[in-house]
């Protein structure tokens, strides 16, 4: 799961380009969700993810955590360096830093609850 969170953060960083899988009309309806207190739905499955988990990239949990922390640092830096930057989220469309932060809080919270960390 740590590697999954890191991978999605790479999308936000622009280091993993994914196509938008929904129309502009749908993303316009979905994006306001980011401005609510609502959580991601239990059982939600992103259409761009495979059914089976990806092979592990790292040999230890600590390596995965270090990578995730590095990806989060890159996330902050790329948007700090370019405050007009937007990056496509496959479900919500073009997101700026503020929108990506809102999504990431929802996403991390969703998985932290999944594993009983919150």
PDB file of N, CA and C in Angstrom:
ATOM      1  N   UNK A   1       0.820  -1.191   0.000  1.00  0.00           N
ATOM      2  CA  UNK A   1       0.000   0.000   0.000  1.00  0.00           C
ATOM      3  C   UNK A   1       0.865   1.257   0.000  1.00  0.00           C
ATOM      4  N   UNK A   2       1.999   1.171   0.677  1.00  0.00           N
ATOM      5  CA  UNK A   2       2.920   2.318   0.694  1.00  0.00           C
ATOM      6  C   UNK A   2       3.369   2.622  -0.728  1.00  0.00           C
ATOM      7  N   UNK A   3       3.691   1.593  -1.483  1.00  0.00           N
ATOM      8  CA  UNK A   3       4.115   1.797  -2.876  1.00  0.00           C
ATOM      9  C   UNK A   3       2.974   2.351  -3.723  1.00  0.00           C
ATOM     10  N   UNK A   4       1.745   1.960  -3.433  1.00  0.00           N
ATOM     11  CA  UNK A   4       0.579   2.490  -4.147  1.00  0.00           C
ATOM     12  C   UNK A   4       0.453   3.995  -3.884  1.00  0.00           C
ATOM     13  N   UNK A   5       0.567   4.398  -2.628  1.00  0.00           N
ATOM     14  CA  UNK A   5       0.482   5.825  -2.297  1.00  0.00           C
ATOM     15  C   UNK A   5       1.599   6.604  -2.974  1.00  0.00           C
ATOM     16  N   UNK A   6       2.772   6.007  -3.027  1.00  0.00           N
ATOM     17  CA  UNK A   6       3.904   6.641  -3.700  1.00  0.00           C
ATOM     18  C   UNK A   6       3.634   6.792  -5.196  1.00  0.00           C
ATOM     19  N   UNK A   7       3.086   5.747  -5.800  1.00  0.00           N
ATOM     20  CA  UNK A   7       2.805   5.780  -7.241  1.00  0.00           C
ATOM     21  C   UNK A   7       1.796   6.871  -7.584  1.00  0.00           C
ATOM     22  N   UNK A   8       0.745   6.982  -6.787  1.00  0.00           N
ATOM     23  CA  UNK A   8      -0.260   8.024  -7.063  1.00  0.00           C
ATOM     24  C   UNK A   8       0.339   9.408  -6.841  1.00  0.00           C
ATOM     25  N   UNK A   9       1.241   9.527  -5.885  1.00  0.00           N
ATOM     26  CA  UNK A   9       1.934  10.800  -5.686  1.00  0.00           C
ATOM     27  C   UNK A   9       2.811  11.113  -6.895  1.00  0.00           C
ATOM     28  N   UNK A  10       3.348  10.093  -7.536  1.00  0.00           N
ATOM     29  CA  UNK A  10       4.119  10.314  -8.767  1.00  0.00           C
ATOM     30  C   UNK A  10       3.240  10.871  -9.871  1.00  0.00           C
ATOM     31  N   UNK A  11       1.968  10.494  -9.899  1.00  0.00           N
ATOM     32  CA  UNK A  11       1.038  11.098 -10.872  1.00  0.00           C
ATOM     33  C   UNK A  11       0.957  12.593 -10.590  1.00  0.00           C
ATOM     34  N   UNK A  12       0.760  12.950  -9.321  1.00  0.00           N
ATOM     35  CA  UNK A  12       0.655  14.368  -8.947  1.00  0.00           C
ATOM     36  C   UNK A  12       1.934  15.128  -9.285  1.00  0.00           C
ATOM     37  N   UNK A  13       3.070  14.445  -9.180  1.00  0.00           N
ATOM     38  CA  UNK A  13       4.358  15.078  -9.484  1.00  0.00           C
ATOM     39  C   UNK A  13       4.579  15.259 -10.977  1.00  0.00           C
ATOM     40  N   UNK A  14       3.768  14.590 -11.779  1.00  0.00           N
ATOM     41  CA  UNK A  14       3.964  14.608 -13.224  1.00  0.00           C
ATOM     42  C   UNK A  14       4.966  13.570 -13.689  1.00  0.00           C
ATOM     43  N   UNK A  15       5.393  12.678 -12.788  1.00  0.00           N
ATOM     44  CA  UNK A  15       6.377  11.645 -13.136  1.00  0.00           C
ATOM     45  C   UNK A  15       5.744  10.361 -13.647  1.00  0.00           C
ATOM     46  N   UNK A  16       4.437  10.241 -13.548  1.00  0.00           N
ATOM     47  CA  UNK A  16       3.722   9.098 -14.105  1.00  0.00           C
ATOM     48  C   UNK A  16       2.505   9.682 -14.803  1.00  0.00           C
ATOM     49  N   UNK A  17       2.588   9.803 -16.101  1.00  0.00           N
ATOM     50  CA  UNK A  17       1.518  10.426 -16.861  1.00  0.00           C
ATOM     51  C   UNK A  17       0.456   9.372 -17.146  1.00  0.00           C
ATOM     52  N   UNK A  18      -0.757   9.665 -16.729  1.00  0.00           N
ATOM     53  CA  UNK A  18      -1.881   8.787 -17.010  1.00  0.00           C
ATOM     54  C   UNK A  18      -2.885   9.559 -17.842  1.00  0.00           C
ATOM     55  N   UNK A  19      -3.583   8.841 -18.666  1.00  0.00           N
ATOM     56  CA  UNK A  19      -4.611   9.481 -19.478  1.00  0.00           C
ATOM     57  C   UNK A  19      -5.839   9.745 -18.621  1.00  0.00           C
ATOM     58  N   UNK A  20      -6.566  10.747 -18.984  1.00  0.00           N
ATOM     59  CA  UNK A  20      -7.834  11.016 -18.318  1.00  0.00           C
ATOM     60  C   UNK A  20      -8.819   9.978 -18.838  1.00  0.00           C
ATOM     61  N   UNK A  21      -9.460   9.277 -17.925  1.00  0.00           N
ATOM     62  CA  UNK A  21     -10.341   8.190 -18.310  1.00  0.00           C
ATOM     63  C   UNK A  21     -11.806   8.585 -18.356  1.00  0.00           C
ATOM     64  N   UNK A  22     -12.101   9.833 -18.035  1.00  0.00           N
ATOM     65  CA  UNK A  22     -13.484  10.291 -18.054  1.00  0.00           C
ATOM     66  C   UNK A  22     -13.564  11.617 -18.785  1.00  0.00           C
ATOM     67  N   UNK A  23     -14.758  11.952 -19.204  1.00  0.00           N
ATOM     68  CA  UNK A  23     -14.958  13.178 -19.980  1.00  0.00           C
ATOM     69  C   UNK A  23     -14.819  14.417 -19.104  1.00  0.00           C
ATOM     70  N   UNK A  24     -14.622  15.544 -19.770  1.00  0.00           N
ATOM     71  CA  UNK A  24     -14.566  16.827 -19.069  1.00  0.00           C
ATOM     72  C   UNK A  24     -15.861  17.063 -18.292  1.00  0.00           C
ATOM     73  N   UNK A  25     -16.981  16.631 -18.866  1.00  0.00           N
ATOM     74  CA  UNK A  25     -18.279  16.801 -18.216  1.00  0.00           C
ATOM     75  C   UNK A  25     -18.320  16.047 -16.881  1.00  0.00           C
ATOM     76  N   UNK A  26     -17.823  14.817 -16.878  1.00  0.00           N
ATOM     77  CA  UNK A  26     -17.816  14.027 -15.637  1.00  0.00           C
ATOM     78  C   UNK A  26     -16.825  14.590 -14.626  1.00  0.00           C
ATOM     79  N   UNK A  27     -15.651  15.004 -15.091  1.00  0.00           N
ATOM     80  CA  UNK A  27     -14.683  15.550 -14.136  1.00  0.00           C
ATOM     81  C   UNK A  27     -15.224  16.836 -13.520  1.00  0.00           C
ATOM     82  N   UNK A  28     -15.964  17.629 -14.292  1.00  0.00           N
ATOM     83  CA  UNK A  28     -16.550  18.864 -13.756  1.00  0.00           C
ATOM     84  C   UNK A  28     -17.568  18.549 -12.663  1.00  0.00           C
ATOM     85  N   UNK A  29     -18.289  17.436 -12.803  1.00  0.00           N
ATOM     86  CA  UNK A  29     -19.249  17.034 -11.763  1.00  0.00           C
ATOM     87  C   UNK A  29     -18.549  16.427 -10.553  1.00  0.00           C
ATOM     88  N   UNK A  30     -17.424  15.765 -10.775  1.00  0.00           N
ATOM     89  CA  UNK A  30     -16.729  15.068  -9.693  1.00  0.00           C
ATOM     90  C   UNK A  30     -15.839  15.982  -8.848  1.00  0.00           C
ATOM     91  N   UNK A  31     -15.246  16.958  -9.481  1.00  0.00           N
ATOM     92  CA  UNK A  31     -14.251  17.803  -8.811  1.00  0.00           C
ATOM     93  C   UNK A  31     -14.773  18.492  -7.546  1.00  0.00           C
ATOM     94  N   UNK A  32     -16.032  18.964  -7.497  1.00  0.00           N
ATOM     95  CA  UNK A  32     -16.517  19.596  -6.265  1.00  0.00           C
ATOM     96  C   UNK A  32     -16.443  18.685  -5.032  1.00  0.00           C
ATOM     97  N   UNK A  33     -16.417  17.374  -5.231  1.00  0.00           N
ATOM     98  CA  UNK A  33     -16.264  16.420  -4.134  1.00  0.00           C
ATOM     99  C   UNK A  33     -15.012  16.718  -3.311  1.00  0.00           C
ATOM    100  N   UNK A  34     -13.966  17.221  -3.963  1.00  0.00           N
ATOM    101  CA  UNK A  34     -12.716  17.511  -3.268  1.00  0.00           C
ATOM    102  C   UNK A  34     -12.887  18.603  -2.216  1.00  0.00           C
ATOM    103  N   UNK A  35     -13.914  19.430  -2.363  1.00  0.00           N
ATOM    104  CA  UNK A  35     -14.148  20.530  -1.424  1.00  0.00           C
ATOM    105  C   UNK A  35     -15.144  20.161  -0.322  1.00  0.00           C
ATOM    106  N   UNK A  36     -15.382  18.878  -0.159  1.00  0.00           N
ATOM    107  CA  UNK A  36     -16.301  18.421   0.888  1.00  0.00           C
ATOM    108  C   UNK A  36     -15.528  17.655   1.959  1.00  0.00           C
ATOM    109  N   UNK A  37     -16.212  17.356   3.040  1.00  0.00           N
ATOM    110  CA  UNK A  37     -15.641  16.519   4.090  1.00  0.00           C
ATOM    111  C   UNK A  37     -15.866  15.035   3.815  1.00  0.00           C
ATOM    112  N   UNK A  38     -16.540  14.729   2.728  1.00  0.00           N
ATOM    113  CA  UNK A  38     -16.835  13.335   2.392  1.00  0.00           C
ATOM    114  C   UNK A  38     -15.548  12.561   2.126  1.00  0.00           C
ATOM    115  N   UNK A  39     -15.579  11.293   2.504  1.00  0.00           N
ATOM    116  CA  UNK A  39     -14.421  10.422   2.312  1.00  0.00           C
ATOM    117  C   UNK A  39     -14.582   9.614   1.037  1.00  0.00           C
ATOM    118  N   UNK A  40     -13.467   9.070   0.554  1.00  0.00           N
ATOM    119  CA  UNK A  40     -13.537   8.157  -0.581  1.00  0.00           C
ATOM    120  C   UNK A  40     -14.333   6.929  -0.161  1.00  0.00           C
ATOM    121  N   UNK A  41     -15.121   6.447  -1.067  1.00  0.00           N
ATOM    122  CA  UNK A  41     -16.007   5.320  -0.815  1.00  0.00           C
ATOM    123  C   UNK A  41     -15.220   4.038  -0.546  1.00  0.00           C
ATOM    124  N   UNK A  42     -15.614   3.285   0.450  1.00  0.00           N
ATOM    125  CA  UNK A  42     -14.996   1.986   0.703  1.00  0.00           C
ATOM    126  C   UNK A  42     -15.285   1.095  -0.498  1.00  0.00           C
ATOM    127  N   UNK A  43     -14.260   0.431  -0.964  1.00  0.00           N
ATOM    128  CA  UNK A  43     -14.414  -0.444  -2.121  1.00  0.00           C
ATOM    129  C   UNK A  43     -14.231   0.256  -3.458  1.00  0.00           C
ATOM    130  N   UNK A  44     -13.997   1.565  -3.438  1.00  0.00           N
ATOM    131  CA  UNK A  44     -13.762   2.294  -4.691  1.00  0.00           C
ATOM    132  C   UNK A  44     -12.551   1.715  -5.388  1.00  0.00           C
ATOM    133  N   UNK A  45     -12.667   1.496  -6.685  1.00  0.00           N
ATOM    134  CA  UNK A  45     -11.571   0.948  -7.471  1.00  0.00           C
ATOM    135  C   UNK A  45     -11.310   1.877  -8.644  1.00  0.00           C
ATOM    136  N   UNK A  46     -10.125   2.430  -8.699  1.00  0.00           N
ATOM    137  CA  UNK A  46      -9.750   3.303  -9.817  1.00  0.00           C
ATOM    138  C   UNK A  46      -9.631   2.463 -11.085  1.00  0.00           C
ATOM    139  N   UNK A  47     -10.213   2.951 -12.157  1.00  0.00           N
ATOM    140  CA  UNK A  47     -10.262   2.183 -13.402  1.00  0.00           C
ATOM    141  C   UNK A  47      -8.891   1.976 -14.040  1.00  0.00           C
ATOM    142  N   UNK A  48      -7.921   2.803 -13.695  1.00  0.00           N
ATOM    143  CA  UNK A  48      -6.607   2.678 -14.329  1.00  0.00           C
ATOM    144  C   UNK A  48      -5.698   1.685 -13.595  1.00  0.00           C
ATOM    145  N   UNK A  49      -6.160   1.148 -12.465  1.00  0.00           N
ATOM    146  CA  UNK A  49      -5.356   0.182 -11.715  1.00  0.00           C
ATOM    147  C   UNK A  49      -5.688  -1.239 -12.137  1.00  0.00           C
ATOM    148  N   UNK A  50      -4.680  -2.078 -12.110  1.00  0.00           N
ATOM    149  CA  UNK A  50      -4.858  -3.486 -12.432  1.00  0.00           C
ATOM    150  C   UNK A  50      -5.614  -4.185 -11.304  1.00  0.00           C
ATOM    151  N   UNK A  51      -6.224  -5.325 -11.630  1.00  0.00           N
ATOM    152  CA  UNK A  51      -6.916  -6.117 -10.612  1.00  0.00           C
ATOM    153  C   UNK A  51      -5.943  -6.621  -9.551  1.00  0.00           C
ATOM    154  N   UNK A  52      -4.810  -7.129  -9.990  1.00  0.00           N
ATOM    155  CA  UNK A  52      -3.796  -7.659  -9.077  1.00  0.00           C
ATOM    156  C   UNK A  52      -2.820  -6.543  -8.703  1.00  0.00           C
ATOM    157  N   UNK A  53      -2.347  -6.550  -7.460  1.00  0.00           N
ATOM    158  CA  UNK A  53      -1.356  -5.533  -7.078  1.00  0.00           C
ATOM    159  C   UNK A  53      -0.091  -5.654  -7.925  1.00  0.00           C
ATOM    160  N   UNK A  54       0.568  -4.531  -8.123  1.00  0.00           N
ATOM    161  CA  UNK A  54       1.839  -4.536  -8.850  1.00  0.00           C
ATOM    162  C   UNK A  54       2.885  -5.297  -8.043  1.00  0.00           C
ATOM    163  N   UNK A  55       3.881  -5.794  -8.739  1.00  0.00           N
ATOM    164  CA  UNK A  55       5.001  -6.422  -8.048  1.00  0.00           C
ATOM    165  C   UNK A  55       5.664  -5.362  -7.174  1.00  0.00           C
ATOM    166  N   UNK A  56       6.151  -5.799  -6.015  1.00  0.00           N
ATOM    167  CA  UNK A  56       6.813  -4.849  -5.127  1.00  0.00           C
ATOM    168  C   UNK A  56       8.089  -4.319  -5.765  1.00  0.00           C
ATOM    169  N   UNK A  57       8.295  -3.044  -5.598  1.00  0.00           N
ATOM    170  CA  UNK A  57       9.449  -2.361  -6.161  1.00  0.00           C
ATOM    171  C   UNK A  57      10.610  -2.338  -5.161  1.00  0.00           C
ATOM    172  N   UNK A  58      10.279  -2.305  -3.881  1.00  0.00           N
ATOM    173  CA  UNK A  58      11.291  -2.161  -2.834  1.00  0.00           C
ATOM    174  C   UNK A  58      11.406  -3.440  -2.013  1.00  0.00           C
ATOM    175  N   UNK A  59      12.568  -3.613  -1.403  1.00  0.00           N
ATOM    176  CA  UNK A  59      12.853  -4.826  -0.637  1.00  0.00           C
ATOM    177  C   UNK A  59      12.432  -4.746   0.823  1.00  0.00           C
ATOM    178  N   UNK A  60      12.060  -3.557   1.286  1.00  0.00           N
ATOM    179  CA  UNK A  60      11.657  -3.425   2.681  1.00  0.00           C
ATOM    180  C   UNK A  60      10.617  -2.324   2.808  1.00  0.00           C
ATOM    181  N   UNK A  61       9.892  -2.384   3.908  1.00  0.00           N
ATOM    182  CA  UNK A  61       8.912  -1.331   4.199  1.00  0.00           C
ATOM    183  C   UNK A  61       9.618   0.013   4.339  1.00  0.00           C
ATOM    184  N   UNK A  62      10.790   0.019   4.982  1.00  0.00           N
ATOM    185  CA  UNK A  62      11.502   1.275   5.179  1.00  0.00           C
ATOM    186  C   UNK A  62      11.902   1.904   3.844  1.00  0.00           C
ATOM    187  N   UNK A  63      12.348   1.091   2.896  1.00  0.00           N
ATOM    188  CA  UNK A  63      12.678   1.626   1.561  1.00  0.00           C
ATOM    189  C   UNK A  63      11.438   2.236   0.916  1.00  0.00           C
ATOM    190  N   UNK A  64      10.290   1.573   1.049  1.00  0.00           N
ATOM    191  CA  UNK A  64       9.047   2.086   0.475  1.00  0.00           C
ATOM    192  C   UNK A  64       8.634   3.389   1.146  1.00  0.00           C
ATOM    193  N   UNK A  65       8.768   3.445   2.461  1.00  0.00           N
ATOM    194  CA  UNK A  65       8.441   4.677   3.198  1.00  0.00           C
ATOM    195  C   UNK A  65       9.360   5.812   2.765  1.00  0.00           C
ATOM    196  N   UNK A  66      10.654   5.516   2.644  1.00  0.00           N
ATOM    197  CA  UNK A  66      11.610   6.548   2.212  1.00  0.00           C
ATOM    198  C   UNK A  66      11.239   7.072   0.834  1.00  0.00           C
ATOM    199  N   UNK A  67      10.831   6.176  -0.064  1.00  0.00           N
ATOM    200  CA  UNK A  67      10.421   6.604  -1.402  1.00  0.00           C
ATOM    201  C   UNK A  67       9.171   7.476  -1.327  1.00  0.00           C
ATOM    202  N   UNK A  68       8.197   7.054  -0.529  1.00  0.00           N
ATOM    203  CA  UNK A  68       6.974   7.841  -0.388  1.00  0.00           C
ATOM    204  C   UNK A  68       7.290   9.237   0.141  1.00  0.00           C
ATOM    205  N   UNK A  69       8.110   9.312   1.162  1.00  0.00           N
ATOM    206  CA  UNK A  69       8.485  10.626   1.707  1.00  0.00           C
ATOM    207  C   UNK A  69       9.197  11.473   0.653  1.00  0.00           C
ATOM    208  N   UNK A  70      10.035  10.835  -0.147  1.00  0.00           N
ATOM    209  CA  UNK A  70      10.712  11.547  -1.236  1.00  0.00           C
ATOM    210  C   UNK A  70       9.729  12.045  -2.277  1.00  0.00           C
ATOM    211  N   UNK A  71       8.735  11.219  -2.616  1.00  0.00           N
ATOM    212  CA  UNK A  71       7.721  11.629  -3.596  1.00  0.00           C
ATOM    213  C   UNK A  71       6.894  12.797  -3.067  1.00  0.00           C
ATOM    214  N   UNK A  72       6.578  12.771  -1.777  1.00  0.00           N
ATOM    215  CA  UNK A  72       5.825  13.884  -1.181  1.00  0.00           C
ATOM    216  C   UNK A  72       6.657  15.169  -1.229  1.00  0.00           C
ATOM    217  N   UNK A  73       7.951  15.067  -0.970  1.00  0.00           N
ATOM    218  CA  UNK A  73       8.832  16.244  -1.049  1.00  0.00           C
ATOM    219  C   UNK A  73       8.875  16.787  -2.480  1.00  0.00           C
ATOM    220  N   UNK A  74       8.954  15.889  -3.455  1.00  0.00           N
ATOM    221  CA  UNK A  74       8.931  16.312  -4.862  1.00  0.00           C
ATOM    222  C   UNK A  74       7.602  16.987  -5.183  1.00  0.00           C
ATOM    223  N   UNK A  75       6.513  16.415  -4.692  1.00  0.00           N
ATOM    224  CA  UNK A  75       5.171  16.972  -4.895  1.00  0.00           C
ATOM    225  C   UNK A  75       5.125  18.435  -4.442  1.00  0.00           C
ATOM    226  N   UNK A  76       5.598  18.697  -3.251  1.00  0.00           N
ATOM    227  CA  UNK A  76       5.596  20.069  -2.727  1.00  0.00           C
ATOM    228  C   UNK A  76       6.499  20.959  -3.583  1.00  0.00           C
ATOM    229  N   UNK A  77       7.676  20.465  -3.948  1.00  0.00           N
ATOM    230  CA  UNK A  77       8.638  21.264  -4.706  1.00  0.00           C
ATOM    231  C   UNK A  77       8.127  21.640  -6.092  1.00  0.00           C
ATOM    232  N   UNK A  78       7.580  20.671  -6.845  1.00  0.00           N
ATOM    233  CA  UNK A  78       7.174  20.985  -8.220  1.00  0.00           C
ATOM    234  C   UNK A  78       6.041  22.004  -8.255  1.00  0.00           C
ATOM    235  N   UNK A  79       5.159  21.952  -7.263  1.00  0.00           N
ATOM    236  CA  UNK A  79       4.081  22.930  -7.233  1.00  0.00           C
ATOM    237  C   UNK A  79       4.537  24.258  -6.628  1.00  0.00           C
ATOM    238  N   UNK A  80       5.522  24.222  -5.751  1.00  0.00           N
ATOM    239  CA  UNK A  80       6.092  25.464  -5.209  1.00  0.00           C
ATOM    240  C   UNK A  80       6.861  26.190  -6.308  1.00  0.00           C
ATOM    241  N   UNK A  81       7.579  25.438  -7.125  1.00  0.00           N
ATOM    242  CA  UNK A  81       8.353  26.025  -8.225  1.00  0.00           C
ATOM    243  C   UNK A  81       7.459  26.620  -9.305  1.00  0.00           C
ATOM    244  N   UNK A  82       6.250  26.086  -9.457  1.00  0.00           N
ATOM    245  CA  UNK A  82       5.329  26.563 -10.485  1.00  0.00           C
ATOM    246  C   UNK A  82       3.919  26.572  -9.898  1.00  0.00           C
ATOM    247  N   UNK A  83       3.533  27.702  -9.321  1.00  0.00           N
ATOM    248  CA  UNK A  83       2.246  27.761  -8.624  1.00  0.00           C
ATOM    249  C   UNK A  83       1.043  27.754  -9.575  1.00  0.00           C
ATOM    250  N   UNK A  84       1.287  27.806 -10.873  1.00  0.00           N
ATOM    251  CA  UNK A  84       0.206  27.726 -11.870  1.00  0.00           C
ATOM    252  C   UNK A  84       0.080  26.293 -12.438  1.00  0.00           C
ATOM    253  N   UNK A  85       0.929  25.415 -11.982  1.00  0.00           N
ATOM    254  CA  UNK A  85       0.999  24.041 -12.486  1.00  0.00           C
ATOM    255  C   UNK A  85      -0.318  23.303 -12.247  1.00  0.00           C
ATOM    256  N   UNK A  86      -0.725  22.518 -13.230  1.00  0.00           N
ATOM    257  CA  UNK A  86      -1.828  21.573 -13.066  1.00  0.00           C
ATOM    258  C   UNK A  86      -1.356  20.234 -13.618  1.00  0.00           C
ATOM    259  N   UNK A  87      -1.896  19.171 -13.038  1.00  0.00           N
ATOM    260  CA  UNK A  87      -1.566  17.815 -13.479  1.00  0.00           C
ATOM    261  C   UNK A  87      -2.869  17.034 -13.536  1.00  0.00           C
ATOM    262  N   UNK A  88      -3.018  16.242 -14.573  1.00  0.00           N
ATOM    263  CA  UNK A  88      -4.245  15.471 -14.768  1.00  0.00           C
ATOM    264  C   UNK A  88      -4.342  14.328 -13.765  1.00  0.00           C
ATOM    265  N   UNK A  89      -5.460  14.296 -13.075  1.00  0.00           N
ATOM    266  CA  UNK A  89      -5.845  13.143 -12.262  1.00  0.00           C
ATOM    267  C   UNK A  89      -6.836  12.356 -13.126  1.00  0.00           C
ATOM    268  N   UNK A  90      -6.685  11.026 -13.220  1.00  0.00           N
ATOM    269  CA  UNK A  90      -7.529  10.264 -14.146  1.00  0.00           C
ATOM    270  C   UNK A  90      -9.013  10.270 -13.800  1.00  0.00           C
ATOM    271  N   UNK A  91      -9.384  10.583 -12.581  1.00  0.00           N
ATOM    272  CA  UNK A  91     -10.788  10.581 -12.180  1.00  0.00           C
ATOM    273  C   UNK A  91     -11.342  11.992 -12.052  1.00  0.00           C
ATOM    274  N   UNK A  92     -10.510  12.940 -11.588  1.00  0.00           N
ATOM    275  CA  UNK A  92     -10.960  14.300 -11.323  1.00  0.00           C
ATOM    276  C   UNK A  92     -10.508  15.317 -12.368  1.00  0.00           C
ATOM    277  N   UNK A  93      -9.686  14.923 -13.324  1.00  0.00           N
ATOM    278  CA  UNK A  93      -9.229  15.839 -14.365  1.00  0.00           C
ATOM    279  C   UNK A  93      -8.079  16.718 -13.901  1.00  0.00           C
ATOM    280  N   UNK A  94      -7.959  17.894 -14.508  1.00  0.00           N
ATOM    281  CA  UNK A  94      -6.867  18.824 -14.208  1.00  0.00           C
ATOM    282  C   UNK A  94      -6.986  19.323 -12.772  1.00  0.00           C
ATOM    283  N   UNK A  95      -5.912  19.111 -11.992  1.00  0.00           N
ATOM    284  CA  UNK A  95      -5.904  19.580 -10.606  1.00  0.00           C
ATOM    285  C   UNK A  95      -4.687  20.458 -10.359  1.00  0.00           C
ATOM    286  N   UNK A  96      -4.900  21.525  -9.600  1.00  0.00           N
ATOM    287  CA  UNK A  96      -3.791  22.362  -9.164  1.00  0.00           C
ATOM    288  C   UNK A  96      -3.289  21.822  -7.808  1.00  0.00           C
ATOM    289  N   UNK A  97      -2.346  22.515  -7.204  1.00  0.00           N
ATOM    290  CA  UNK A  97      -1.750  22.056  -5.952  1.00  0.00           C
ATOM    291  C   UNK A  97      -2.796  21.881  -4.855  1.00  0.00           C
ATOM    292  N   UNK A  98      -3.655  22.877  -4.692  1.00  0.00           N
ATOM    293  CA  UNK A  98      -4.679  22.827  -3.652  1.00  0.00           C
ATOM    294  C   UNK A  98      -5.598  21.615  -3.842  1.00  0.00           C
ATOM    295  N   UNK A  99      -6.034  21.400  -5.070  1.00  0.00           N
ATOM    296  CA  UNK A  99      -6.913  20.264  -5.355  1.00  0.00           C
ATOM    297  C   UNK A  99      -6.194  18.933  -5.137  1.00  0.00           C
ATOM    298  N   UNK A 100      -4.938  18.836  -5.560  1.00  0.00           N
ATOM    299  CA  UNK A 100      -4.172  17.611  -5.340  1.00  0.00           C
ATOM    300  C   UNK A 100      -3.996  17.347  -3.847  1.00  0.00           C
ATOM    301  N   UNK A 101      -3.752  18.395  -3.071  1.00  0.00           N
ATOM    302  CA  UNK A 101      -3.618  18.209  -1.622  1.00  0.00           C
ATOM    303  C   UNK A 101      -4.912  17.649  -1.033  1.00  0.00           C
ATOM    304  N   UNK A 102      -6.033  18.203  -1.452  1.00  0.00           N
ATOM    305  CA  UNK A 102      -7.328  17.718  -0.962  1.00  0.00           C
ATOM    306  C   UNK A 102      -7.527  16.254  -1.338  1.00  0.00           C
ATOM    307  N   UNK A 103      -7.196  15.914  -2.583  1.00  0.00           N
ATOM    308  CA  UNK A 103      -7.327  14.518  -2.995  1.00  0.00           C
ATOM    309  C   UNK A 103      -6.410  13.621  -2.174  1.00  0.00           C
ATOM    310  N   UNK A 104      -5.149  14.043  -2.008  1.00  0.00           N
ATOM    311  CA  UNK A 104      -4.188  13.205  -1.292  1.00  0.00           C
ATOM    312  C   UNK A 104      -4.625  12.966   0.156  1.00  0.00           C
ATOM    313  N   UNK A 105      -5.174  13.973   0.817  1.00  0.00           N
ATOM    314  CA  UNK A 105      -5.671  13.778   2.176  1.00  0.00           C
ATOM    315  C   UNK A 105      -6.778  12.722   2.176  1.00  0.00           C
ATOM    316  N   UNK A 106      -7.705  12.830   1.240  1.00  0.00           N
ATOM    317  CA  UNK A 106      -8.779  11.835   1.147  1.00  0.00           C
ATOM    318  C   UNK A 106      -8.214  10.449   0.837  1.00  0.00           C
ATOM    319  N   UNK A 107      -7.268  10.381  -0.070  1.00  0.00           N
ATOM    320  CA  UNK A 107      -6.700   9.108  -0.507  1.00  0.00           C
ATOM    321  C   UNK A 107      -5.908   8.441   0.612  1.00  0.00           C
ATOM    322  N   UNK A 108      -5.012   9.199   1.243  1.00  0.00           N
ATOM    323  CA  UNK A 108      -4.213   8.641   2.340  1.00  0.00           C
ATOM    324  C   UNK A 108      -5.128   8.214   3.491  1.00  0.00           C
ATOM    325  N   UNK A 109      -6.098   9.065   3.840  1.00  0.00           N
ATOM    326  CA  UNK A 109      -7.033   8.737   4.921  1.00  0.00           C
ATOM    327  C   UNK A 109      -7.782   7.453   4.612  1.00  0.00           C
ATOM    328  N   UNK A 110      -8.238   7.308   3.388  1.00  0.00           N
ATOM    329  CA  UNK A 110      -8.963   6.108   2.945  1.00  0.00           C
ATOM    330  C   UNK A 110      -8.141   4.853   3.239  1.00  0.00           C
ATOM    331  N   UNK A 111      -6.878   4.874   2.846  1.00  0.00           N
ATOM    332  CA  UNK A 111      -6.041   3.683   3.034  1.00  0.00           C
ATOM    333  C   UNK A 111      -5.557   3.533   4.476  1.00  0.00           C
ATOM    334  N   UNK A 112      -5.326   4.627   5.175  1.00  0.00           N
ATOM    335  CA  UNK A 112      -4.954   4.520   6.585  1.00  0.00           C
ATOM    336  C   UNK A 112      -6.092   3.859   7.371  1.00  0.00           C
ATOM    337  N   UNK A 113      -7.336   4.227   7.060  1.00  0.00           N
ATOM    338  CA  UNK A 113      -8.486   3.600   7.721  1.00  0.00           C
ATOM    339  C   UNK A 113      -8.598   2.121   7.315  1.00  0.00           C
ATOM    340  N   UNK A 114      -8.314   1.845   6.051  1.00  0.00           N
ATOM    341  CA  UNK A 114      -8.372   0.465   5.548  1.00  0.00           C
ATOM    342  C   UNK A 114      -7.477  -0.453   6.381  1.00  0.00           C
ATOM    343  N   UNK A 115      -6.353   0.068   6.818  1.00  0.00           N
ATOM    344  CA  UNK A 115      -5.390  -0.742   7.576  1.00  0.00           C
ATOM    345  C   UNK A 115      -5.423  -0.450   9.076  1.00  0.00           C
ATOM    346  N   UNK A 116      -6.460   0.259   9.524  1.00  0.00           N
ATOM    347  CA  UNK A 116      -6.636   0.497  10.939  1.00  0.00           C
ATOM    348  C   UNK A 116      -5.642   1.456  11.554  1.00  0.00           C
ATOM    349  N   UNK A 117      -5.067   2.332  10.722  1.00  0.00           N
ATOM    350  CA  UNK A 117      -4.102   3.298  11.216  1.00  0.00           C
ATOM    351  C   UNK A 117      -4.772   4.579  11.722  1.00  0.00           C
ATOM    352  N   UNK A 118      -6.008   4.783  11.347  1.00  0.00           N
ATOM    353  CA  UNK A 118      -6.802   5.925  11.828  1.00  0.00           C
ATOM    354  C   UNK A 118      -8.119   5.411  12.368  1.00  0.00           C
TER     355      UNK A 118
END
